[in-house]
Amino acid sequence: MTRYRFLDAMGDVVAEEEFASHADALAWAESEEPEDDVQRVEFLGPEGDWRWAGALSG
């Protein structure tokens, strides 16, 4: 499992969750589940740094 964080338009973290894949994390970000509008998804890389997980389709 990989740790993901979800950011709003201002770059503030609105949620952090663990998912098995980038696709799962991106699908969650685009669902109705997050209370705030997610603009960016990042994952915790192997060196402890946050990395971009991919573009949202919405």
N, C-alpha and C. Protein backbone atom coordinates (compact mmCIF):
# COMPACT_ATOMS: atom_id res chain seq x y z
N MET A 1 0.84 -1.17 0.00
CA MET A 1 0.00 0.00 0.00
C MET A 1 0.89 1.25 0.00
N THR A 2 0.44 2.24 -0.73
CA THR A 2 1.17 3.49 -0.83
C THR A 2 0.34 4.62 -0.23
N ARG A 3 0.99 5.54 0.44
CA ARG A 3 0.33 6.69 1.06
C ARG A 3 0.14 7.79 0.02
N TYR A 4 -1.07 8.31 -0.08
CA TYR A 4 -1.41 9.39 -1.00
C TYR A 4 -1.95 10.57 -0.22
N ARG A 5 -1.71 11.77 -0.74
CA ARG A 5 -2.35 12.95 -0.17
C ARG A 5 -3.05 13.69 -1.29
N PHE A 6 -4.12 14.34 -0.92
CA PHE A 6 -5.02 15.00 -1.86
C PHE A 6 -5.07 16.48 -1.52
N LEU A 7 -4.78 17.31 -2.51
CA LEU A 7 -4.67 18.75 -2.28
C LEU A 7 -5.75 19.52 -3.02
N ASP A 8 -6.15 20.65 -2.43
CA ASP A 8 -7.15 21.51 -3.08
C ASP A 8 -6.43 22.52 -3.98
N ALA A 9 -7.17 23.47 -4.52
CA ALA A 9 -6.62 24.46 -5.45
C ALA A 9 -5.56 25.36 -4.81
N MET A 10 -5.62 25.53 -3.49
CA MET A 10 -4.65 26.36 -2.78
C MET A 10 -3.40 25.56 -2.36
N GLY A 11 -3.40 24.27 -2.61
CA GLY A 11 -2.28 23.42 -2.24
C GLY A 11 -2.36 22.88 -0.82
N ASP A 12 -3.51 23.08 -0.18
CA ASP A 12 -3.70 22.56 1.17
C ASP A 12 -4.13 21.10 1.11
N VAL A 13 -3.61 20.30 2.01
CA VAL A 13 -3.97 18.88 2.07
C VAL A 13 -5.39 18.77 2.62
N VAL A 14 -6.26 18.09 1.86
CA VAL A 14 -7.65 17.90 2.30
C VAL A 14 -7.90 16.48 2.78
N ALA A 15 -7.02 15.54 2.41
CA ALA A 15 -7.17 14.15 2.86
C ALA A 15 -5.86 13.41 2.63
N GLU A 16 -5.67 12.33 3.39
CA GLU A 16 -4.56 11.40 3.19
C GLU A 16 -5.13 10.00 3.35
N GLU A 17 -4.80 9.13 2.41
CA GLU A 17 -5.31 7.76 2.41
C GLU A 17 -4.23 6.84 1.85
N GLU A 18 -4.41 5.53 2.03
CA GLU A 18 -3.52 4.54 1.43
C GLU A 18 -4.29 3.78 0.36
N PHE A 19 -3.64 3.56 -0.79
CA PHE A 19 -4.23 2.83 -1.90
C PHE A 19 -3.19 1.89 -2.50
N ALA A 20 -3.67 0.88 -3.19
CA ALA A 20 -2.79 -0.11 -3.82
C ALA A 20 -2.18 0.40 -5.12
N SER A 21 -2.83 1.37 -5.77
CA SER A 21 -2.31 1.85 -7.06
C SER A 21 -2.67 3.31 -7.28
N HIS A 22 -1.94 3.93 -8.23
CA HIS A 22 -2.25 5.31 -8.62
C HIS A 22 -3.67 5.39 -9.16
N ALA A 23 -4.06 4.41 -9.96
CA ALA A 23 -5.40 4.42 -10.56
C ALA A 23 -6.49 4.44 -9.49
N ASP A 24 -6.31 3.66 -8.43
CA ASP A 24 -7.28 3.65 -7.34
C ASP A 24 -7.34 5.01 -6.64
N ALA A 25 -6.19 5.61 -6.40
CA ALA A 25 -6.13 6.92 -5.73
C ALA A 25 -6.78 8.00 -6.59
N LEU A 26 -6.48 8.00 -7.87
CA LEU A 26 -7.07 9.00 -8.77
C LEU A 26 -8.58 8.82 -8.89
N ALA A 27 -9.03 7.58 -8.94
CA ALA A 27 -10.48 7.32 -9.01
C ALA A 27 -11.16 7.82 -7.73
N TRP A 28 -10.54 7.62 -6.58
CA TRP A 28 -11.11 8.10 -5.32
C TRP A 28 -11.19 9.63 -5.33
N ALA A 29 -10.14 10.28 -5.83
CA ALA A 29 -10.10 11.74 -5.86
C ALA A 29 -11.21 12.31 -6.73
N GLU A 30 -11.60 11.59 -7.78
CA GLU A 30 -12.62 12.06 -8.70
C GLU A 30 -14.02 11.63 -8.29
N SER A 31 -14.12 10.82 -7.26
CA SER A 31 -15.42 10.35 -6.80
C SER A 31 -16.08 11.39 -5.91
N GLU A 32 -17.23 11.07 -5.40
CA GLU A 32 -17.95 11.95 -4.49
C GLU A 32 -17.43 11.83 -3.05
N GLU A 33 -16.51 10.93 -2.82
CA GLU A 33 -16.01 10.65 -1.47
C GLU A 33 -15.31 11.83 -0.79
N PRO A 34 -14.36 12.50 -1.45
CA PRO A 34 -13.70 13.62 -0.75
C PRO A 34 -14.68 14.76 -0.51
N GLU A 35 -14.61 15.36 0.67
CA GLU A 35 -15.51 16.47 0.99
C GLU A 35 -15.12 17.75 0.25
N ASP A 36 -13.84 17.94 -0.02
CA ASP A 36 -13.35 19.13 -0.72
C ASP A 36 -12.97 18.77 -2.15
N ASP A 37 -12.90 19.80 -3.00
CA ASP A 37 -12.54 19.60 -4.40
C ASP A 37 -11.05 19.31 -4.52
N VAL A 38 -10.69 18.13 -4.97
CA VAL A 38 -9.29 17.72 -5.10
C VAL A 38 -8.77 18.20 -6.45
N GLN A 39 -7.64 18.91 -6.43
CA GLN A 39 -7.01 19.42 -7.65
C GLN A 39 -5.71 18.69 -7.98
N ARG A 40 -5.10 18.05 -6.97
CA ARG A 40 -3.80 17.39 -7.18
C ARG A 40 -3.70 16.19 -6.25
N VAL A 41 -3.07 15.13 -6.77
CA VAL A 41 -2.85 13.93 -5.99
C VAL A 41 -1.34 13.64 -6.00
N GLU A 42 -0.80 13.40 -4.82
CA GLU A 42 0.61 13.08 -4.68
C GLU A 42 0.77 11.79 -3.88
N PHE A 43 1.88 11.09 -4.11
CA PHE A 43 2.15 9.89 -3.33
C PHE A 43 3.51 10.02 -2.66
N LEU A 44 3.67 9.29 -1.56
CA LEU A 44 4.92 9.32 -0.82
C LEU A 44 5.90 8.37 -1.49
N GLY A 45 6.96 8.94 -2.04
CA GLY A 45 7.96 8.16 -2.76
C GLY A 45 8.88 7.38 -1.83
N PRO A 46 9.70 6.51 -2.40
CA PRO A 46 10.58 5.65 -1.61
C PRO A 46 11.63 6.42 -0.81
N GLU A 47 11.91 7.65 -1.20
CA GLU A 47 12.91 8.45 -0.49
C GLU A 47 12.25 9.40 0.51
N GLY A 48 10.94 9.24 0.74
CA GLY A 48 10.23 10.07 1.71
C GLY A 48 9.79 11.41 1.18
N ASP A 49 9.81 11.57 -0.15
CA ASP A 49 9.38 12.82 -0.77
C ASP A 49 8.03 12.62 -1.46
N TRP A 50 7.24 13.70 -1.54
CA TRP A 50 5.94 13.64 -2.19
C TRP A 50 6.10 13.83 -3.69
N ARG A 51 5.46 12.96 -4.48
CA ARG A 51 5.56 12.99 -5.94
C ARG A 51 4.17 13.02 -6.57
N TRP A 52 4.08 13.65 -7.72
CA TRP A 52 2.83 13.79 -8.45
C TRP A 52 2.35 12.40 -8.90
N ALA A 53 1.08 12.09 -8.68
CA ALA A 53 0.54 10.77 -9.01
C ALA A 53 -0.08 10.70 -10.40
N GLY A 54 -0.38 11.83 -11.01
CA GLY A 54 -0.96 11.82 -12.35
C GLY A 54 -2.10 12.81 -12.45
N ALA A 55 -2.51 13.04 -13.68
CA ALA A 55 -3.55 14.03 -13.95
C ALA A 55 -4.93 13.50 -13.63
N LEU A 56 -5.77 14.37 -13.08
CA LEU A 56 -7.17 14.04 -12.86
C LEU A 56 -7.91 14.24 -14.17
N SER A 57 -8.88 13.41 -14.47
CA SER A 57 -9.57 13.51 -15.75
C SER A 57 -10.66 14.56 -15.76
N GLY A 58 -11.14 14.97 -14.58
CA GLY A 58 -12.26 15.89 -14.49
C GLY A 58 -11.89 17.28 -14.76
